[in-house]
Amino acid sequence: MTLVLDRNFICHLRILFCYFAHNDDNTQKIKNQYARMTY
């Protein structure tokens, strides 16, 4: 259980990092990808 949660947490951190690192054109794609993973 904890391993799965940690892996998901790392994925979220990675997506958030990309969200802040990339320009506006890419952030929309990352937003959609993040929404798909969370829901």
C-alpha atoms as a PDB file:
ATOM      1  CA  MET A   1       0.000   0.000   0.000  1.00  0.00           C
ATOM      2  CA  THR A   2       2.642   2.496   1.004  1.00  0.00           C
ATOM      3  CA  LEU A   3       4.721   1.760  -2.086  1.00  0.00           C
ATOM      4  CA  VAL A   4       1.776   2.518  -4.361  1.00  0.00           C
ATOM      5  CA  LEU A   5       1.021   5.745  -2.521  1.00  0.00           C
ATOM      6  CA  ASP A   6       4.664   6.814  -2.685  1.00  0.00           C
ATOM      7  CA  ARG A   7       4.835   6.070  -6.410  1.00  0.00           C
ATOM      8  CA  ASN A   8       1.673   8.106  -7.016  1.00  0.00           C
ATOM      9  CA  PHE A   9       3.072  10.934  -4.914  1.00  0.00           C
ATOM     10  CA  ILE A  10       6.294  10.944  -6.936  1.00  0.00           C
ATOM     11  CA  CYS A  11       4.266  11.004 -10.156  1.00  0.00           C
ATOM     12  CA  HIS A  12       2.301  13.990  -8.884  1.00  0.00           C
ATOM     13  CA  LEU A  13       5.515  15.794  -7.950  1.00  0.00           C
ATOM     14  CA  ARG A  14       6.954  15.066 -11.381  1.00  0.00           C
ATOM     15  CA  ILE A  15       3.827  16.418 -13.098  1.00  0.00           C
ATOM     16  CA  LEU A  16       3.806  19.525 -10.908  1.00  0.00           C
ATOM     17  CA  PHE A  17       7.495  20.076 -11.683  1.00  0.00           C
ATOM     18  CA  CYS A  18       6.757  19.860 -15.415  1.00  0.00           C
ATOM     19  CA  TYR A  19       3.790  22.168 -14.884  1.00  0.00           C
ATOM     20  CA  PHE A  20       6.036  24.903 -13.525  1.00  0.00           C
ATOM     21  CA  ALA A  21       9.029  24.156 -15.747  1.00  0.00           C
ATOM     22  CA  HIS A  22       7.345  24.229 -19.167  1.00  0.00           C
ATOM     23  CA  ASN A  23       5.644  27.008 -21.055  1.00  0.00           C
ATOM     24  CA  ASP A  24       1.895  27.635 -21.337  1.00  0.00           C
ATOM     25  CA  ASP A  25       1.465  25.452 -24.437  1.00  0.00           C
ATOM     26  CA  ASN A  26       2.634  22.384 -22.550  1.00  0.00           C
ATOM     27  CA  THR A  27       0.953  23.171 -19.240  1.00  0.00           C
ATOM     28  CA  GLN A  28      -2.513  22.560 -20.682  1.00  0.00           C
ATOM     29  CA  LYS A  29      -1.500  19.073 -21.816  1.00  0.00           C
ATOM     30  CA  ILE A  30       0.057  18.382 -18.425  1.00  0.00           C
ATOM     31  CA  LYS A  31      -3.083  19.641 -16.681  1.00  0.00           C
ATOM     32  CA  ASN A  32      -5.191  17.201 -18.697  1.00  0.00           C
ATOM     33  CA  GLN A  33      -2.780  14.364 -17.973  1.00  0.00           C
ATOM     34  CA  TYR A  34      -2.801  15.202 -14.266  1.00  0.00           C
ATOM     35  CA  ALA A  35      -6.614  15.268 -14.234  1.00  0.00           C
ATOM     36  CA  ARG A  36      -6.727  11.844 -15.919  1.00  0.00           C
ATOM     37  CA  MET A  37      -4.384  10.351 -13.323  1.00  0.00           C
ATOM     38  CA  THR A  38      -6.218  11.776 -10.332  1.00  0.00           C
ATOM     39  CA  TYR A  39      -9.738  10.867 -11.494  1.00  0.00           C
END
